[in-house]
Amino acid sequence: MKKFKFLKLSKSKKLRITDNYFREKLYIIFLPGFMSDIEGKKPQTLLKFAKRNKLGFLSLEYSGHGKSSGDFTKGNISIWSSDTKSVIKKIVKKNNFILVGSSMGAWIALNQFKHFKSQIKGFLGIGSAPEFLTRLMWNKFPKKIKREIVNYGHALIKNGEYEYPITYQLIKDGRLNKVLDKKELSKIKVTMIHGKKDEVVPVLFSKLTLRKFKNAKKKLVLIKSGDHSLSSKKHLKIILKELKNIVKDII
């Protein structure tokens, strides 16, 4: 397994990353999901793909995630998007890149377009979940849970086989990070991959993400047996196939 390293962003913040360095090459940037790390099958598979194809690679653990510094409950979409922006500037610099966002990572990816529009040459979403905090969580929470979050500042939420500590500041910050109603004019390849058996995020979210891109070459790939993680060998092969299709149009 690739050795990880830490990137110091400030006196109090260091983020764990994995990268494959190239001075003047296209990069693949993998952005993980909510409470995820970079030791999983998706980032490791994409790193191997990048090495085989002599491409740059970058993935990071946002603050409060994995082994990065910080308290998870103090983080939010704004902070994690800022973490991503800072790491891209330090590692990828002026190189072009393809964004690969898994679940919440797709939301973080969409927030990067305002900073790196000319460098982003493709976007691949996996079980994309932009605006999930409002649309999938807050809007569907029973009144009892909402009261608990407002009165105590947080609550432990179960969703399928996952369990999340949800803070009120996280919910409020999510409302400030609306991305689905803003059109994106980039003429790039945008592919969304979503499992039909995803019990965490409905396929609708991948469709809404595609609608954002007015001038892109858009594609929706639905995996009949796919769950939310899409980490089996079969599903990873599909992800790599779609990534190759994006890469070959750029190089």
Protein backbone atom coordinates (compact mmCIF):
# COMPACT_ATOMS: atom_id res chain seq x y z
CA MET A 1 0.00 0.00 0.00
CA LYS A 2 1.15 3.52 -0.76
CA LYS A 3 2.72 5.31 2.19
CA PHE A 4 0.73 8.34 3.32
CA LYS A 5 2.19 11.66 4.31
CA PHE A 6 1.04 14.82 6.08
CA LEU A 7 0.77 18.26 4.55
CA LYS A 8 0.99 21.11 7.04
CA LEU A 9 -1.41 23.93 6.13
CA SER A 10 -0.98 25.98 9.31
CA LYS A 11 0.44 25.72 12.84
CA SER A 12 -2.67 23.88 13.98
CA LYS A 13 -3.71 22.03 10.81
CA LYS A 14 -2.09 19.11 9.02
CA LEU A 15 -3.92 16.88 6.56
CA ARG A 16 -3.06 13.33 5.57
CA ILE A 17 -2.67 12.93 1.82
CA THR A 18 -1.47 10.44 -0.77
CA ASP A 19 -0.08 11.59 -4.07
CA ASN A 20 1.80 10.52 -7.18
CA TYR A 21 3.96 13.42 -8.27
CA PHE A 22 4.45 14.60 -11.86
CA ARG A 23 5.85 17.97 -12.78
CA GLU A 24 3.84 18.59 -15.96
CA LYS A 25 1.10 15.99 -16.24
CA LEU A 26 -2.63 15.59 -15.90
CA TYR A 27 -3.67 14.79 -12.32
CA ILE A 28 -6.52 12.69 -10.97
CA ILE A 29 -7.88 14.11 -7.72
CA PHE A 30 -10.03 11.78 -5.60
CA LEU A 31 -12.27 13.46 -3.03
CA PRO A 32 -13.66 11.01 -0.44
CA GLY A 33 -17.06 11.05 1.21
CA PHE A 34 -18.48 12.03 4.60
CA MET A 35 -16.39 10.51 7.45
CA SER A 36 -14.30 8.58 4.90
CA ASP A 37 -10.52 8.21 4.71
CA ILE A 38 -7.99 7.52 1.93
CA GLU A 39 -7.22 3.92 2.84
CA GLY A 40 -10.28 2.52 1.04
CA LYS A 41 -10.44 0.54 -2.19
CA LYS A 42 -11.51 3.47 -4.40
CA PRO A 43 -8.57 5.83 -3.69
CA GLN A 44 -6.07 2.97 -3.71
CA THR A 45 -7.42 1.62 -7.02
CA LEU A 46 -7.31 5.09 -8.60
CA LEU A 47 -3.75 5.63 -7.34
CA LYS A 48 -2.63 2.39 -9.04
CA PHE A 49 -4.41 3.47 -12.23
CA ALA A 50 -2.59 6.82 -12.16
CA LYS A 51 0.79 5.13 -11.69
CA ARG A 52 0.18 2.68 -14.55
CA ASN A 53 -0.81 5.53 -16.86
CA LYS A 54 1.95 7.90 -15.70
CA LEU A 55 -0.52 10.44 -14.36
CA GLY A 56 -0.39 12.59 -11.27
CA PHE A 57 -2.67 11.63 -8.37
CA LEU A 58 -3.89 13.32 -5.21
CA SER A 59 -6.30 12.38 -2.46
CA LEU A 60 -6.73 13.87 0.98
CA GLU A 61 -8.48 13.41 4.29
CA TYR A 62 -10.35 16.59 5.18
CA SER A 63 -9.81 18.02 8.68
CA GLY A 64 -11.41 15.78 11.29
CA HIS A 65 -11.39 12.83 8.87
CA GLY A 66 -9.13 9.78 9.02
CA LYS A 67 -5.78 10.72 10.54
CA SER A 68 -5.91 14.41 9.64
CA SER A 69 -5.87 16.90 12.50
CA GLY A 70 -9.02 18.52 13.81
CA ASP A 71 -12.33 17.56 15.41
CA PHE A 72 -14.86 16.11 12.96
CA THR A 73 -17.80 17.84 14.68
CA LYS A 74 -16.19 21.25 14.16
CA GLY A 75 -15.88 20.69 10.40
CA ASN A 76 -18.32 21.58 7.66
CA ILE A 77 -18.62 21.84 3.87
CA SER A 78 -16.97 25.27 3.77
CA ILE A 79 -13.97 24.10 5.81
CA TRP A 80 -13.55 20.83 3.90
CA SER A 81 -13.87 22.64 0.55
CA SER A 82 -11.21 25.10 1.71
CA ASP A 83 -8.95 22.19 2.79
CA THR A 84 -9.29 20.75 -0.71
CA LYS A 85 -8.55 24.05 -2.41
CA SER A 86 -5.40 24.56 -0.30
CA VAL A 87 -4.06 21.05 -0.93
CA ILE A 88 -4.67 21.33 -4.71
CA LYS A 89 -2.79 24.64 -4.80
CA LYS A 90 0.17 23.17 -2.91
CA ILE A 91 0.41 19.78 -4.68
CA VAL A 92 -1.17 20.07 -8.14
CA LYS A 93 -0.25 23.73 -8.60
CA LYS A 94 -0.92 24.84 -12.20
CA ASN A 95 -1.41 21.35 -13.68
CA ASN A 96 -4.72 20.32 -15.21
CA PHE A 97 -6.78 17.72 -13.38
CA ILE A 98 -9.83 15.48 -13.35
CA LEU A 99 -12.01 15.57 -10.23
CA VAL A 100 -13.38 12.28 -8.91
CA GLY A 101 -15.86 12.86 -6.09
CA SER A 102 -17.38 10.07 -4.02
CA SER A 103 -20.68 10.87 -2.26
CA MET A 104 -20.02 14.12 -0.33
CA GLY A 105 -16.78 14.35 -2.31
CA ALA A 106 -18.84 15.29 -5.37
CA TRP A 107 -20.22 18.28 -3.43
CA ILE A 108 -16.69 19.29 -2.43
CA ALA A 109 -15.67 18.85 -6.09
CA LEU A 110 -18.43 21.15 -7.32
CA ASN A 111 -17.17 23.82 -4.93
CA GLN A 112 -13.76 23.72 -6.66
CA PHE A 113 -15.06 24.92 -10.04
CA LYS A 114 -15.10 28.55 -8.88
CA HIS A 115 -11.38 28.34 -8.03
CA PHE A 116 -9.92 26.09 -10.74
CA LYS A 117 -12.32 26.30 -13.68
CA SER A 118 -9.59 26.46 -16.34
CA GLN A 119 -7.63 23.55 -14.81
CA ILE A 120 -10.56 21.15 -14.38
CA LYS A 121 -10.71 18.98 -17.51
CA GLY A 122 -13.21 16.33 -16.38
CA PHE A 123 -15.49 15.36 -13.51
CA LEU A 124 -16.51 11.87 -12.39
CA GLY A 125 -19.09 11.48 -9.61
CA ILE A 126 -19.61 8.25 -7.65
CA GLY A 127 -22.90 8.09 -5.72
CA SER A 128 -22.87 11.89 -5.79
CA ALA A 129 -24.50 13.63 -2.83
CA PRO A 130 -24.42 17.43 -3.23
CA GLU A 131 -26.62 19.31 -0.73
CA PHE A 132 -27.35 16.05 1.16
CA LEU A 133 -27.31 17.82 4.54
CA THR A 134 -30.49 19.73 3.73
CA ARG A 135 -32.19 17.54 1.15
CA LEU A 136 -31.48 14.09 2.63
CA MET A 137 -31.01 14.86 6.30
CA TRP A 138 -32.59 18.03 7.72
CA ASN A 139 -35.70 18.02 5.49
CA LYS A 140 -36.39 14.39 6.41
CA PHE A 141 -35.56 14.50 10.12
CA PRO A 142 -38.50 14.08 12.50
CA LYS A 143 -39.26 17.10 14.71
CA LYS A 144 -37.77 15.34 17.73
CA ILE A 145 -34.36 15.02 16.04
CA LYS A 146 -34.48 18.62 14.79
CA ARG A 147 -35.21 19.85 18.34
CA GLU A 148 -32.32 17.80 19.71
CA ILE A 149 -29.89 19.25 17.15
CA VAL A 150 -31.07 22.84 17.71
CA ASN A 151 -31.19 22.58 21.53
CA TYR A 152 -28.03 20.52 22.13
CA GLY A 153 -26.05 21.46 19.00
CA HIS A 154 -25.76 17.89 17.73
CA ALA A 155 -27.35 14.43 17.44
CA LEU A 156 -26.18 10.95 16.43
CA ILE A 157 -27.98 9.93 13.25
CA LYS A 158 -28.29 6.43 11.80
CA ASN A 159 -28.67 6.08 8.04
CA GLY A 160 -28.63 2.50 6.73
CA GLU A 161 -25.48 0.87 8.09
CA TYR A 162 -23.85 4.25 8.75
CA GLU A 163 -23.94 6.40 11.89
CA TYR A 164 -23.14 10.12 11.82
CA PRO A 165 -22.68 12.83 14.48
CA ILE A 166 -24.62 15.74 12.94
CA THR A 167 -24.08 19.22 14.35
CA TYR A 168 -26.32 22.26 13.92
CA GLN A 169 -23.41 24.33 12.60
CA LEU A 170 -22.85 21.65 9.91
CA ILE A 171 -26.50 21.83 8.83
CA LYS A 172 -26.45 25.64 8.73
CA ASP A 173 -23.21 25.70 6.75
CA GLY A 174 -24.68 23.21 4.27
CA ARG A 175 -27.42 25.73 3.48
CA LEU A 176 -24.74 28.26 2.54
CA ASN A 177 -23.15 25.84 0.08
CA LYS A 178 -25.93 25.45 -2.47
CA VAL A 179 -24.55 24.22 -5.78
CA LEU A 180 -27.38 22.51 -7.64
CA ASP A 181 -29.23 25.66 -8.71
CA LYS A 182 -26.12 27.26 -10.23
CA LYS A 183 -25.38 26.44 -13.87
CA GLU A 184 -21.84 25.42 -14.82
CA LEU A 185 -20.76 26.24 -18.39
CA SER A 186 -17.55 24.18 -18.60
CA LYS A 187 -17.28 22.16 -21.83
CA ILE A 188 -15.81 19.07 -20.20
CA LYS A 189 -16.78 15.42 -19.85
CA VAL A 190 -19.00 14.89 -16.80
CA THR A 191 -19.92 11.31 -15.87
CA MET A 192 -22.05 10.27 -12.92
CA ILE A 193 -21.95 6.66 -11.70
CA HIS A 194 -24.69 5.57 -9.30
CA GLY A 195 -25.84 2.24 -7.87
CA LYS A 196 -29.50 1.37 -8.37
CA LYS A 197 -29.45 -0.29 -4.93
CA ASP A 198 -27.98 2.76 -3.20
CA GLU A 199 -29.99 3.09 0.05
CA VAL A 200 -28.10 6.18 1.25
CA VAL A 201 -28.29 8.60 -1.70
CA PRO A 202 -31.01 8.37 -4.40
CA VAL A 203 -30.03 8.33 -8.10
CA LEU A 204 -31.85 11.68 -8.41
CA PHE A 205 -28.78 13.43 -6.94
CA SER A 206 -26.56 12.28 -9.80
CA LYS A 207 -29.22 13.45 -12.26
CA LEU A 208 -29.45 16.86 -10.56
CA THR A 209 -25.66 17.16 -10.71
CA LEU A 210 -25.65 16.47 -14.45
CA ARG A 211 -28.32 19.13 -14.98
CA LYS A 212 -25.92 21.72 -13.57
CA PHE A 213 -23.61 21.31 -16.56
CA LYS A 214 -25.17 23.07 -19.51
CA ASN A 215 -22.41 22.58 -22.11
CA ALA A 216 -20.68 19.42 -20.87
CA LYS A 217 -20.55 15.99 -22.53
CA LYS A 218 -22.81 14.35 -19.97
CA LYS A 219 -23.27 10.68 -19.09
CA LEU A 220 -25.17 8.79 -16.40
CA VAL A 221 -24.05 5.24 -15.63
CA LEU A 222 -26.48 3.23 -13.49
CA ILE A 223 -25.16 0.03 -11.92
CA LYS A 224 -27.96 -2.46 -11.44
CA SER A 225 -26.37 -4.29 -8.48
CA GLY A 226 -24.62 -1.20 -7.11
CA ASP A 227 -24.85 -0.02 -3.49
CA HIS A 228 -23.61 3.34 -2.17
CA SER A 229 -19.94 2.40 -1.72
CA LEU A 230 -19.38 0.87 -5.21
CA SER A 231 -16.16 -0.72 -3.93
CA SER A 232 -16.44 -4.30 -5.20
CA LYS A 233 -14.04 -5.47 -7.94
CA LYS A 234 -16.86 -5.40 -10.47
CA HIS A 235 -17.88 -1.85 -9.57
CA LEU A 236 -14.29 -0.59 -9.46
CA LYS A 237 -13.79 -1.90 -13.01
CA ILE A 238 -16.75 0.18 -14.17
CA ILE A 239 -15.35 3.27 -12.41
CA LEU A 240 -11.95 2.77 -14.09
CA LYS A 241 -13.57 2.25 -17.49
CA GLU A 242 -15.43 5.56 -17.22
CA LEU A 243 -12.32 7.33 -15.92
CA LYS A 244 -10.32 6.02 -18.91
CA ASN A 245 -12.98 7.47 -21.24
CA ILE A 246 -12.49 10.88 -19.67
CA VAL A 247 -8.68 10.66 -19.68
CA LYS A 248 -8.38 9.63 -23.35
CA ASP A 249 -10.30 12.75 -24.41
CA ILE A 250 -7.81 14.97 -22.62
CA ILE A 251 -4.38 13.50 -23.33
